[in-house]
């Protein structure tokens, strides 16, 4: 069956294959809600969007567009990790569009000046989803698909955007599949340690050694904490244990803890039943074994950070070099993507998440509104409160579950499990809402034999069909 993929980088225009695609750009408005004029001309930017060349007719049985709402990264990242979306498109004969988020990848509204502070204020969720709505309209017009049904897809923050598209543009978007989408976090979510509790839970579930690994990690952090209470003498002991490049002291003590904790977060976020980039198969199991077989509790953490950060045995460890805390304590990105994500979390997103020893295996590392305000003021010289309440107004706050035609999928091994939504209105929706042995967004990744997702993907395929033909539950 023929179908065509457009990655909008805003556009990937591709015949379905595992790797073959080309990238083209789409002229997009900088400001959808006002008019920005430069030298008498309305400002546009080149977002990566669809090609108008070599258009071919799609399968006439299904006049459908599958649209991936890119999140905080380049569109190639999402294309390469969303093979099941392509499989769904092949099955239903749909046109596929992968769209890149403004200020990420190569979609810079102001070119080299995009990250000047005055320009960053155009980096909002409202502007991003309006970009996508505008692109969908153009795709439908260019490809003579004005009556086509559009289904949006995304994982994590991109999953939030997929759902937001259905909330905000219902006449344009027929439905959505939001995988591992922490939809409750940007609104009035109160459980601000849940992410780290869930990382603890994922490690505790490792067969045979999980409970002991959890205890070893807790004991190791406790030992480090007790050593630091001794002041200079204790800091010297910790410096030797980790072979730190610079002496530990009160000022950089938390940085060491952050850099260790980050390893566990990244392992849990990339915990798949096969190798993914630099992450080994079942990375949580792999790193749990490192901790489990270490001669001492603290040595388990030492071995772990040296392995993850690629430090040679005889080299020293510099926590400041390998990890930089940003406005999102669950993980920071590199380069301009990192700047954009930090700004979004300062300006309107709400990922205020800290850990505490009472609710998991990690040390007391709170991350409060005050902590974020201090970071954001120092980094961007702006207060943080202007738009944090906007999600409750513009994106339905805690009432997002009342939207129709949205499939919420969540993996029980996803660190964001519990921050998303679970629709229990039908057995099928409840089942994909809590998928066993599934890591972050595993259901939308390319199917691999033995990945345990067969049953869930069959349900998703059927539910997508119900959205297309108008028989989705409560549609």
Protein backbone atom coordinates (compact mmCIF):
# COMPACT_ATOMS: atom_id res chain seq x y z
CA UNK A 1 0.00 0.00 0.00
CA UNK A 2 1.36 3.41 -0.94
CA UNK A 3 1.70 6.28 1.47
CA UNK A 4 3.88 9.32 1.68
CA UNK A 5 5.68 10.79 4.66
CA UNK A 6 6.41 14.47 5.07
CA UNK A 7 8.74 15.44 7.83
CA UNK A 8 8.34 19.06 8.32
CA UNK A 9 11.44 20.34 9.19
CA UNK A 10 9.28 21.28 8.65
CA UNK A 11 8.99 18.72 6.07
CA UNK A 12 10.24 15.36 5.37
CA UNK A 13 8.80 14.25 2.07
CA UNK A 14 9.44 10.56 1.80
CA UNK A 15 8.31 7.36 0.20
CA UNK A 16 7.89 4.92 3.09
CA UNK A 17 11.19 3.30 3.95
CA UNK A 18 13.34 2.84 7.01
CA UNK A 19 15.76 5.66 6.27
CA UNK A 20 15.04 7.48 3.00
CA UNK A 21 13.65 10.96 3.33
CA UNK A 22 14.45 14.52 2.36
CA UNK A 23 14.04 17.68 4.39
CA UNK A 24 12.43 20.85 3.12
CA UNK A 25 11.16 24.04 4.75
CA UNK A 26 7.86 25.84 5.08
CA UNK A 27 7.40 29.64 5.48
CA UNK A 28 5.73 29.99 8.89
CA UNK A 29 4.46 33.05 10.73
CA UNK A 30 6.61 34.17 13.64
CA UNK A 31 3.56 35.43 15.53
CA UNK A 32 0.14 33.87 14.96
CA UNK A 33 -1.64 36.14 17.42
CA UNK A 34 -0.32 39.52 16.40
CA UNK A 35 1.52 41.01 13.47
CA UNK A 36 5.26 41.42 13.71
CA UNK A 37 6.47 43.85 11.05
CA UNK A 38 10.09 44.18 9.93
CA UNK A 39 10.85 46.81 7.29
CA UNK A 40 7.18 46.91 6.33
CA UNK A 41 6.91 43.13 5.83
CA UNK A 42 5.20 40.61 8.10
CA UNK A 43 7.87 38.41 9.67
CA UNK A 44 8.04 34.79 8.57
CA UNK A 45 10.51 32.02 9.35
CA UNK A 46 11.47 28.79 7.65
CA UNK A 47 10.04 25.92 9.60
CA UNK A 48 10.84 22.46 8.35
CA UNK A 49 7.55 21.53 6.42
CA UNK A 50 6.11 19.62 3.48
CA UNK A 51 7.22 19.61 -0.10
CA UNK A 52 4.79 20.55 -2.83
CA UNK A 53 6.70 18.50 -5.39
CA UNK A 54 5.91 15.04 -6.74
CA UNK A 55 2.51 14.80 -5.08
CA UNK A 56 0.92 11.42 -5.69
CA UNK A 57 -2.60 10.23 -4.93
CA UNK A 58 -3.01 8.41 -1.64
CA UNK A 59 -5.04 5.31 -1.03
CA UNK A 60 -8.56 6.61 -1.84
CA UNK A 61 -10.11 4.42 0.84
CA UNK A 62 -8.76 6.59 3.64
CA UNK A 63 -8.42 10.32 3.16
CA UNK A 64 -6.31 10.64 6.30
CA UNK A 65 -3.29 12.53 7.60
CA UNK A 66 -1.13 11.30 10.49
CA UNK A 67 0.66 14.30 11.98
CA UNK A 68 3.52 13.98 14.51
CA UNK A 69 3.75 17.08 16.69
CA UNK A 70 7.49 17.44 17.26
CA UNK A 71 8.67 18.22 20.78
CA UNK A 72 11.92 19.46 22.28
CA UNK A 73 14.38 18.15 19.74
CA UNK A 74 15.10 17.82 16.03
CA UNK A 75 12.48 16.19 13.86
CA UNK A 76 14.90 13.42 12.86
CA UNK A 77 14.94 12.21 16.49
CA UNK A 78 11.18 11.76 16.49
CA UNK A 79 11.06 10.23 13.03
CA UNK A 80 13.69 7.67 13.98
CA UNK A 81 11.89 6.70 17.20
CA UNK A 82 8.33 6.49 15.81
CA UNK A 83 8.36 3.53 13.47
CA UNK A 84 4.92 2.35 14.55
CA UNK A 85 3.38 5.62 13.33
CA UNK A 86 4.75 4.75 9.88
CA UNK A 87 3.36 1.22 10.18
CA UNK A 88 -0.06 2.63 11.06
CA UNK A 89 0.13 4.94 8.07
CA UNK A 90 1.01 2.05 5.78
CA UNK A 91 -1.95 0.07 7.12
CA UNK A 92 -4.45 2.91 6.69
CA UNK A 93 -2.93 4.45 3.56
CA UNK A 94 -2.42 7.76 5.32
CA UNK A 95 -0.22 10.74 4.56
CA UNK A 96 2.38 11.19 7.31
CA UNK A 97 3.75 14.54 8.44
CA UNK A 98 6.51 14.93 11.03
CA UNK A 99 6.68 18.55 12.15
CA UNK A 100 9.54 20.27 13.93
CA UNK A 101 8.87 22.53 16.93
CA UNK A 102 9.88 26.17 16.59
CA UNK A 103 13.31 26.98 18.14
CA UNK A 104 14.39 23.30 17.93
CA UNK A 105 16.45 21.41 15.38
CA UNK A 106 16.77 23.84 12.48
CA UNK A 107 13.46 25.71 12.81
CA UNK A 108 14.78 29.04 14.08
CA UNK A 109 12.35 31.95 13.68
CA UNK A 110 15.09 34.59 13.84
CA UNK A 111 18.06 32.70 12.45
CA UNK A 112 21.23 33.27 14.43
CA UNK A 113 19.40 35.79 16.62
CA UNK A 114 16.66 33.36 17.66
CA UNK A 115 18.01 32.98 21.18
CA UNK A 116 18.29 36.67 21.92
CA UNK A 117 16.10 37.25 24.94
CA UNK A 118 13.59 39.49 23.17
CA UNK A 119 12.99 36.78 20.57
CA UNK A 120 12.58 33.91 22.99
CA UNK A 121 9.16 35.20 24.00
CA UNK A 122 7.87 33.79 20.72
CA UNK A 123 8.71 30.33 22.08
CA UNK A 124 5.36 29.34 23.58
CA UNK A 125 3.09 26.32 23.35
CA UNK A 126 0.37 28.50 21.86
CA UNK A 127 2.66 29.57 19.00
CA UNK A 128 3.89 25.99 18.47
CA UNK A 129 0.45 24.42 18.16
CA UNK A 130 -0.63 27.31 15.94
CA UNK A 131 2.37 26.49 13.72
CA UNK A 132 1.09 22.94 13.46
CA UNK A 133 -2.49 24.02 12.78
CA UNK A 134 -1.29 26.33 10.02
CA UNK A 135 0.83 23.58 8.52
CA UNK A 136 -2.03 21.07 8.61
CA UNK A 137 -4.25 23.52 6.76
CA UNK A 138 -1.57 24.08 4.13
CA UNK A 139 -0.95 20.35 3.69
CA UNK A 140 -4.65 19.69 3.24
CA UNK A 141 -4.91 22.49 0.68
CA UNK A 142 -1.75 21.63 -1.25
CA UNK A 143 -2.58 17.95 -1.47
CA UNK A 144 -6.26 18.48 -2.24
CA UNK A 145 -7.30 16.82 1.02
CA UNK A 146 -9.56 19.51 2.45
CA UNK A 147 -11.91 16.93 3.98
CA UNK A 148 -9.14 14.67 5.30
CA UNK A 149 -9.25 13.49 8.88
CA UNK A 150 -6.13 14.40 10.86
CA UNK A 151 -4.80 12.36 13.79
CA UNK A 152 -1.92 13.77 15.82
CA UNK A 153 0.77 11.67 17.53
CA UNK A 154 3.48 12.38 20.07
CA UNK A 155 5.53 11.03 23.00
CA UNK A 156 6.25 12.94 26.20
CA UNK A 157 6.02 16.70 25.69
CA UNK A 158 5.26 15.96 22.03
CA UNK A 159 2.38 13.82 23.32
CA UNK A 160 1.11 16.82 25.27
CA UNK A 161 1.16 18.83 22.05
CA UNK A 162 -0.70 16.06 20.18
CA UNK A 163 -3.46 16.23 22.78
CA UNK A 164 -3.44 20.04 22.84
CA UNK A 165 -4.04 20.05 19.08
CA UNK A 166 -7.26 18.11 19.63
CA UNK A 167 -8.25 20.45 22.52
CA UNK A 168 -7.61 23.67 20.62
CA UNK A 169 -8.34 22.82 16.99
CA UNK A 170 -11.13 20.25 17.05
CA UNK A 171 -12.54 21.18 13.62
CA UNK A 172 -9.06 20.58 12.16
CA UNK A 173 -7.89 17.57 14.22
CA UNK A 174 -10.11 14.49 14.45
CA UNK A 175 -8.18 12.69 17.19
CA UNK A 176 -4.84 12.11 18.90
CA UNK A 177 -2.60 9.46 20.38
CA UNK A 178 -0.57 10.82 23.30
CA UNK A 179 2.05 8.36 24.56
CA UNK A 180 3.78 8.91 27.90
CA UNK A 181 2.46 12.46 27.93
CA UNK A 182 2.81 14.19 31.35
CA UNK A 183 -0.35 16.22 30.81
CA UNK A 184 -0.92 16.86 34.50
CA UNK A 185 2.51 18.35 35.20
CA UNK A 186 2.11 21.77 33.52
CA UNK A 187 -1.17 22.44 35.31
CA UNK A 188 -2.09 22.03 38.96
CA UNK A 189 -0.33 18.72 39.56
CA UNK A 190 0.67 18.47 43.22
CA UNK A 191 2.79 15.31 43.50
CA UNK A 192 6.11 17.00 42.79
CA UNK A 193 8.30 14.04 43.75
CA UNK A 194 6.43 11.49 41.64
CA UNK A 195 8.99 11.31 38.81
CA UNK A 196 11.76 10.24 41.16
CA UNK A 197 9.42 7.90 43.03
CA UNK A 198 8.65 6.21 39.72
CA UNK A 199 12.35 5.92 38.80
CA UNK A 200 12.80 4.19 42.17
CA UNK A 201 9.88 1.90 41.39
CA UNK A 202 11.33 0.97 37.99
CA UNK A 203 14.62 -0.08 39.58
CA UNK A 204 12.85 -1.95 42.35
CA UNK A 205 11.04 -4.07 39.74
CA UNK A 206 14.25 -5.48 38.26
CA UNK A 207 13.86 -9.26 38.63
CA UNK A 208 15.68 -10.91 41.54
CA UNK A 209 17.98 -8.00 42.44
CA UNK A 210 15.65 -4.98 42.31
CA UNK A 211 14.74 -4.61 46.00
CA UNK A 212 18.35 -5.07 47.10
CA UNK A 213 19.58 -2.56 44.50
CA UNK A 214 17.12 0.01 45.81
CA UNK A 215 18.43 -0.52 49.35
CA UNK A 216 22.06 -0.28 48.22
CA UNK A 217 21.42 2.99 46.42
CA UNK A 218 19.64 4.47 49.45
CA UNK A 219 22.45 3.34 51.76
CA UNK A 220 25.08 4.80 49.41
CA UNK A 221 23.43 8.23 49.35
CA UNK A 222 22.98 8.09 53.11
CA UNK A 223 26.68 7.30 53.59
CA UNK A 224 27.63 10.24 51.36
CA UNK A 225 25.27 12.49 53.33
CA UNK A 226 26.72 11.39 56.67
CA UNK A 227 30.27 11.98 55.43
CA UNK A 228 29.41 15.51 54.32
CA UNK A 229 28.19 16.28 57.85
CA UNK A 230 31.82 15.96 59.02
CA UNK A 231 32.74 19.02 56.99
CA UNK A 232 36.20 19.27 55.34
CA UNK A 233 37.25 15.82 56.56
CA UNK A 234 34.12 14.21 55.16
CA UNK A 235 34.37 16.11 51.86
CA UNK A 236 37.94 14.87 51.49
CA UNK A 237 36.76 11.29 51.96
CA UNK A 238 34.05 11.69 49.31
CA UNK A 239 36.56 13.33 46.94
CA UNK A 240 38.82 10.30 47.25
CA UNK A 241 36.02 7.76 46.84
CA UNK A 242 34.87 9.34 43.56
CA UNK A 243 38.36 10.46 42.49
CA UNK A 244 36.98 13.95 41.85
CA UNK A 245 38.99 16.38 39.75
CA UNK A 246 38.36 19.21 42.24
CA UNK A 247 37.99 19.01 46.02
CA UNK A 248 34.40 18.67 47.19
CA UNK A 249 33.01 21.35 49.46
CA UNK A 250 29.70 22.77 50.64
CA UNK A 251 29.25 24.77 47.43
CA UNK A 252 29.60 21.88 44.96
CA UNK A 253 28.25 19.04 47.11
CA UNK A 254 24.75 19.15 45.57
CA UNK A 255 26.23 19.17 42.07
CA UNK A 256 27.79 15.76 42.76
CA UNK A 257 24.42 14.41 43.89
CA UNK A 258 22.64 15.86 40.84
CA UNK A 259 25.15 14.25 38.48
CA UNK A 260 24.66 10.85 40.12
CA UNK A 261 20.88 11.08 40.22
CA UNK A 262 20.80 12.08 36.55
CA UNK A 263 22.22 8.69 35.55
CA UNK A 264 19.23 6.87 37.01
CA UNK A 265 16.79 9.24 35.28
CA UNK A 266 18.39 8.75 31.87
CA UNK A 267 18.53 4.98 32.28
CA UNK A 268 14.84 4.85 33.18
CA UNK A 269 13.91 7.09 30.24
CA UNK A 270 15.84 4.88 27.79
CA UNK A 271 14.87 1.49 29.20
CA UNK A 272 14.00 -0.54 26.08
CA UNK A 273 14.29 -4.23 25.20
CA UNK A 274 17.06 -3.45 22.68
CA UNK A 275 20.04 -1.11 22.36
CA UNK A 276 19.17 2.53 21.59
CA UNK A 277 22.11 4.74 20.65
CA UNK A 278 24.53 4.65 23.59
CA UNK A 279 22.00 3.03 25.90
CA UNK A 280 22.24 -0.75 26.34
CA UNK A 281 19.36 -3.18 26.12
CA UNK A 282 17.19 -2.93 29.26
CA UNK A 283 19.42 -0.17 30.58
CA UNK A 284 17.82 -0.22 34.02
CA UNK A 285 18.67 -3.91 34.40
CA UNK A 286 22.19 -3.26 33.14
CA UNK A 287 22.88 -0.45 35.59
CA UNK A 288 21.14 -2.24 38.45
CA UNK A 289 23.66 -5.06 37.97
CA UNK A 290 26.53 -2.56 38.20
CA UNK A 291 25.27 -1.42 41.58
CA UNK A 292 24.39 -4.91 42.76
CA UNK A 293 27.80 -6.47 42.09
CA UNK A 294 29.93 -3.58 43.39
CA UNK A 295 32.02 -4.42 46.50
CA UNK A 296 30.44 -1.58 48.52
CA UNK A 297 27.33 0.56 48.26
CA UNK A 298 29.19 3.78 47.43
CA UNK A 299 31.47 2.00 44.99
CA UNK A 300 28.33 0.99 43.10
CA UNK A 301 27.58 4.68 42.48
CA UNK A 302 31.21 5.35 41.57
CA UNK A 303 31.23 2.51 39.03
CA UNK A 304 27.92 3.71 37.64
CA UNK A 305 28.90 7.33 37.00
CA UNK A 306 32.27 6.35 35.55
CA UNK A 307 30.54 3.98 33.12
CA UNK A 308 27.72 6.35 32.13
CA UNK A 309 29.81 9.46 31.64
CA UNK A 310 32.55 7.53 29.83
CA UNK A 311 35.32 8.27 32.33
CA UNK A 312 38.40 6.08 32.13
CA UNK A 313 39.35 4.21 35.28
CA UNK A 314 42.42 6.33 35.99
CA UNK A 315 40.85 9.67 35.05
CA UNK A 316 39.14 12.01 37.47
CA UNK A 317 35.43 12.81 37.65
CA UNK A 318 34.20 16.41 37.30
CA UNK A 319 30.44 16.66 38.02
CA UNK A 320 30.35 20.21 36.62
CA UNK A 321 31.69 19.01 33.29
CA UNK A 322 29.21 16.18 32.74
CA UNK A 323 25.98 17.65 34.11
CA UNK A 324 24.44 21.10 34.22
CA UNK A 325 21.26 21.67 36.16
CA UNK A 326 18.58 23.50 34.19
CA UNK A 327 14.99 24.51 34.76
CA UNK A 328 13.92 20.88 34.21
CA UNK A 329 15.64 18.69 36.81
CA UNK A 330 14.59 15.48 35.03
CA UNK A 331 17.22 16.07 32.38
CA UNK A 332 18.94 18.82 30.43
CA UNK A 333 19.67 18.97 26.72
CA UNK A 334 22.78 20.21 24.95
CA UNK A 335 23.22 23.17 22.62
CA UNK A 336 20.38 25.37 21.44
CA UNK A 337 17.80 22.65 22.18
CA UNK A 338 18.85 22.91 25.83
CA UNK A 339 18.47 26.69 25.83
CA UNK A 340 15.01 26.44 24.30
CA UNK A 341 13.83 23.77 26.75
CA UNK A 342 15.18 25.67 29.75
CA UNK A 343 13.38 28.81 28.60
CA UNK A 344 10.09 26.97 28.10
CA UNK A 345 10.30 25.59 31.62
CA UNK A 346 11.07 29.03 32.97
CA UNK A 347 8.40 30.86 31.02
CA UNK A 348 5.35 28.60 31.03
CA UNK A 349 5.89 24.86 31.54
CA UNK A 350 5.87 23.51 35.06
CA UNK A 351 8.33 20.70 35.74
CA UNK A 352 9.11 21.61 39.32
CA UNK A 353 10.17 18.15 40.48
CA UNK A 354 12.46 17.34 43.38
CA UNK A 355 13.45 14.15 45.17
CA UNK A 356 13.33 13.26 48.83
CA UNK A 357 14.59 10.23 50.69
CA UNK A 358 11.20 9.57 52.28
CA UNK A 359 9.52 8.75 48.97
CA UNK A 360 12.27 7.02 47.01
CA UNK A 361 15.91 5.96 46.92
CA UNK A 362 17.31 9.41 46.16
CA UNK A 363 18.63 12.10 48.52
CA UNK A 364 16.79 15.25 49.52
CA UNK A 365 17.25 17.44 46.46
CA UNK A 366 14.20 19.69 46.41
CA UNK A 367 13.41 21.76 43.34
CA UNK A 368 10.88 24.37 44.35
CA UNK A 369 9.28 27.34 42.63
CA UNK A 370 11.84 29.47 44.45
CA UNK A 371 14.71 27.34 43.12
CA UNK A 372 13.41 27.64 39.59
CA UNK A 373 12.88 31.39 39.98
CA UNK A 374 16.49 31.82 41.07
CA UNK A 375 17.75 29.77 38.11
CA UNK A 376 15.53 31.54 35.59
CA UNK A 377 16.34 34.99 36.87
CA UNK A 378 20.06 34.25 36.65
CA UNK A 379 19.86 32.58 33.22
CA UNK A 380 17.23 34.64 31.40
CA UNK A 381 16.71 37.61 33.71
CA UNK A 382 12.98 37.05 33.89
CA UNK A 383 10.42 36.11 36.52
CA UNK A 384 8.72 32.75 36.09
CA UNK A 385 5.11 33.30 37.01
CA UNK A 386 3.55 35.09 34.04
CA UNK A 387 2.34 32.07 32.06
CA UNK A 388 2.44 29.13 34.46
CA UNK A 389 -1.28 29.42 35.16
CA UNK A 390 -2.12 29.73 31.48
CA UNK A 391 -2.37 25.99 30.95
CA UNK A 392 -5.32 25.82 33.31
CA UNK A 393 -7.08 28.40 31.14
CA UNK A 394 -5.99 27.55 27.61
CA UNK A 395 -5.49 23.77 27.88
CA UNK A 396 -8.27 22.77 30.26
CA UNK A 397 -6.12 22.28 33.36
CA UNK A 398 -7.24 19.21 35.31
CA UNK A 399 -10.20 18.71 32.95
CA UNK A 400 -8.17 17.55 29.96
CA UNK A 401 -9.59 14.03 30.30
CA UNK A 402 -12.99 15.35 29.18
CA UNK A 403 -11.71 15.89 25.62
CA UNK A 404 -12.95 13.41 23.02
CA UNK A 405 -11.13 11.14 20.56
CA UNK A 406 -7.81 11.03 22.43
CA UNK A 407 -5.95 7.78 23.11
CA UNK A 408 -3.78 8.12 26.22
CA UNK A 409 -1.08 5.44 26.48
CA UNK A 410 1.28 5.02 29.42
CA UNK A 411 3.95 2.45 30.23
CA UNK A 412 4.25 1.12 33.76
CA UNK A 413 8.04 1.38 33.43
CA UNK A 414 7.91 5.00 32.22
CA UNK A 415 9.29 7.48 34.80
CA UNK A 416 6.43 9.79 33.82
CA UNK A 417 3.82 7.18 34.65
CA UNK A 418 1.34 8.80 36.99
CA UNK A 419 1.80 12.28 35.56
CA UNK A 420 -0.31 11.47 32.52
CA UNK A 421 -3.95 10.57 32.02
CA UNK A 422 -5.59 7.16 31.91
CA UNK A 423 -8.96 6.77 30.23
CA UNK A 424 -10.83 3.89 31.87
CA UNK A 425 -14.09 4.37 29.94
CA UNK A 426 -13.51 1.13 27.99
CA UNK A 427 -11.37 -1.96 28.69
CA UNK A 428 -9.19 -1.26 25.64
CA UNK A 429 -8.46 2.35 26.64
CA UNK A 430 -7.72 1.26 30.20
CA UNK A 431 -5.33 -1.44 28.95
CA UNK A 432 -3.20 0.91 26.82
CA UNK A 433 -3.37 3.46 29.65
CA UNK A 434 -1.24 1.15 31.83
CA UNK A 435 0.95 -1.00 29.59
CA UNK A 436 2.96 -3.64 31.41
CA UNK A 437 6.74 -3.78 30.88
CA UNK A 438 6.64 -0.67 28.70
CA UNK A 439 9.18 2.14 28.91
CA UNK A 440 8.77 5.74 27.77
CA UNK A 441 6.98 5.81 24.40
CA UNK A 442 7.82 2.19 23.61
CA UNK A 443 4.46 1.62 21.91
CA UNK A 444 5.20 4.15 19.14
CA UNK A 445 8.70 2.88 18.46
CA UNK A 446 9.24 0.49 15.55
CA UNK A 447 7.97 -2.98 16.47
CA UNK A 448 10.69 -5.47 17.36
CA UNK A 449 9.99 -9.14 17.94
CA UNK A 450 9.72 -9.84 21.63
CA UNK A 451 9.25 -6.22 22.75
CA UNK A 452 5.98 -7.15 24.45
CA UNK A 453 3.93 -4.48 22.68
CA UNK A 454 2.02 -6.64 20.19
CA UNK A 455 -1.27 -6.70 22.09
CA UNK A 456 -1.15 -2.97 22.87
CA UNK A 457 -0.31 -1.99 19.30
CA UNK A 458 -3.21 -4.10 18.00
CA UNK A 459 -5.53 -2.16 20.30
CA UNK A 460 -4.05 1.16 19.18
CA UNK A 461 -4.45 0.20 15.53
CA UNK A 462 -8.11 -0.61 16.13
CA UNK A 463 -8.75 2.59 18.11
CA UNK A 464 -7.13 4.70 15.37
CA UNK A 465 -9.47 3.05 12.89
CA UNK A 466 -12.41 3.94 15.10
CA UNK A 467 -11.36 7.60 15.09
CA UNK A 468 -11.11 7.51 11.31
CA UNK A 469 -14.55 5.96 10.81
CA UNK A 470 -16.24 7.93 13.59
CA UNK A 471 -16.97 5.03 15.97
CA UNK A 472 -14.40 5.87 18.67
CA UNK A 473 -15.81 5.59 22.22
CA UNK A 474 -17.67 8.76 23.20
CA UNK A 475 -16.80 10.39 19.87
